[in-house]
Amino acid sequence: MTAALAHHWHFPASLVMALTAAVDPLATRPFSRMGAALRLASVITDCRELGVPVQDGLQLMQSALLEHLQLDLGWLEAHLPDHRLATAGVEALVH
């Protein structure tokens, strides 16, 4: 749905493709690193909203994608912005 809206709103084709790939980045050919990043960002957001440790949630939900990308989860979690900072202003956009 997000990709369809992005296409309808004339977003760049690369972003539409990434949004499409984010559903299942490993099944998309060619592989979309942006789609993979969007998928991981979605899981990270869900983890933080639910109070689940990010490393645990990513391992549980996206272990194959993590392996494909060879991500260092310790480094990733250490460099993620504070959740409140990352989501600041979202309420204003939604309402």
Protein backbone atom coordinates (compact mmCIF):
# COMPACT_ATOMS: atom_id res chain seq x y z
CA MET A 1 0.00 0.00 0.00
CA THR A 2 2.79 2.42 0.89
CA ALA A 3 4.54 1.78 -2.43
CA ALA A 4 1.29 2.28 -4.33
CA LEU A 5 0.71 5.61 -2.60
CA ALA A 6 4.31 6.66 -3.25
CA HIS A 7 3.85 5.81 -6.93
CA HIS A 8 0.55 7.69 -7.07
CA TRP A 9 2.20 10.75 -5.50
CA HIS A 10 5.02 10.59 -8.07
CA PHE A 11 7.79 9.78 -5.59
CA PRO A 12 11.10 8.79 -7.20
CA ALA A 13 11.04 5.31 -8.72
CA SER A 14 13.94 4.22 -6.53
CA LEU A 15 11.90 4.97 -3.40
CA VAL A 16 8.81 3.20 -4.75
CA MET A 17 10.97 0.15 -5.52
CA ALA A 18 12.50 0.25 -2.02
CA LEU A 19 9.07 0.45 -0.39
CA THR A 20 7.96 -2.53 -2.46
CA ALA A 21 11.11 -4.47 -1.54
CA ALA A 22 10.71 -3.70 2.17
CA VAL A 23 7.96 -6.31 2.43
CA ASP A 24 10.48 -9.11 1.78
CA PRO A 25 13.91 -7.73 0.86
CA LEU A 26 15.55 -11.13 0.39
CA ALA A 27 12.95 -12.18 -2.19
CA THR A 28 13.33 -9.01 -4.25
CA ARG A 29 15.56 -9.06 -7.32
CA PRO A 30 17.69 -7.17 -7.70
CA PHE A 31 18.33 -6.91 -3.97
CA SER A 32 17.44 -3.48 -2.63
CA ARG A 33 19.65 -2.25 0.21
CA MET A 34 17.21 0.62 0.74
CA GLY A 35 14.34 -1.87 0.95
CA ALA A 36 16.33 -3.88 3.50
CA ALA A 37 17.02 -0.73 5.53
CA LEU A 38 13.32 0.16 5.52
CA ARG A 39 12.41 -3.36 6.70
CA LEU A 40 14.93 -3.22 9.53
CA ALA A 41 13.76 0.27 10.49
CA SER A 42 10.21 -1.06 10.72
CA VAL A 43 11.26 -3.91 13.01
CA ILE A 44 13.40 -1.57 15.14
CA THR A 45 10.45 0.79 15.57
CA ASP A 46 8.14 -2.09 16.54
CA CYS A 47 10.70 -3.34 19.08
CA ARG A 48 11.07 0.06 20.67
CA GLU A 49 7.32 0.65 20.79
CA LEU A 50 6.81 -2.75 22.48
CA GLY A 51 9.80 -2.43 24.81
CA VAL A 52 11.60 -5.41 23.24
CA PRO A 53 15.41 -5.21 23.03
CA VAL A 54 16.28 -4.28 19.44
CA GLN A 55 18.91 -7.00 19.08
CA ASP A 56 16.46 -9.67 20.22
CA GLY A 57 13.69 -8.48 17.93
CA LEU A 58 15.93 -8.24 14.88
CA GLN A 59 17.39 -11.70 15.51
CA LEU A 60 13.93 -13.18 15.94
CA MET A 61 12.25 -11.44 13.02
CA GLN A 62 15.02 -10.83 10.47
CA SER A 63 17.92 -13.21 11.15
CA ALA A 64 18.36 -14.15 7.47
CA LEU A 65 18.43 -10.50 6.41
CA LEU A 66 20.92 -9.66 9.16
CA GLU A 67 23.16 -12.48 7.98
CA HIS A 68 22.88 -11.35 4.36
CA LEU A 69 23.85 -7.80 5.31
CA GLN A 70 26.50 -8.97 7.81
CA LEU A 71 25.33 -6.39 10.33
CA ASP A 72 27.00 -6.01 13.69
CA LEU A 73 23.99 -5.69 15.98
CA GLY A 74 26.02 -4.32 18.87
CA TRP A 75 27.33 -1.52 16.69
CA LEU A 76 23.88 -0.87 15.23
CA GLU A 77 22.17 -0.59 18.59
CA ALA A 78 24.96 1.63 19.94
CA HIS A 79 24.48 4.04 17.03
CA LEU A 80 20.69 4.20 16.90
CA PRO A 81 19.27 7.55 17.96
CA ASP A 82 17.16 7.80 21.08
CA HIS A 83 13.67 6.58 20.21
CA ARG A 84 12.03 9.81 21.39
CA LEU A 85 14.36 11.83 19.16
CA ALA A 86 13.80 9.50 16.21
CA THR A 87 10.02 9.79 16.51
CA ALA A 88 9.80 13.46 17.49
CA GLY A 89 7.22 15.25 15.40
CA VAL A 90 5.48 12.12 14.14
CA GLU A 91 2.28 12.93 16.06
CA ALA A 92 2.16 16.35 14.41
CA LEU A 93 2.37 14.74 10.97
CA VAL A 94 -0.35 12.21 11.70
CA HIS A 95 -2.87 14.61 13.24
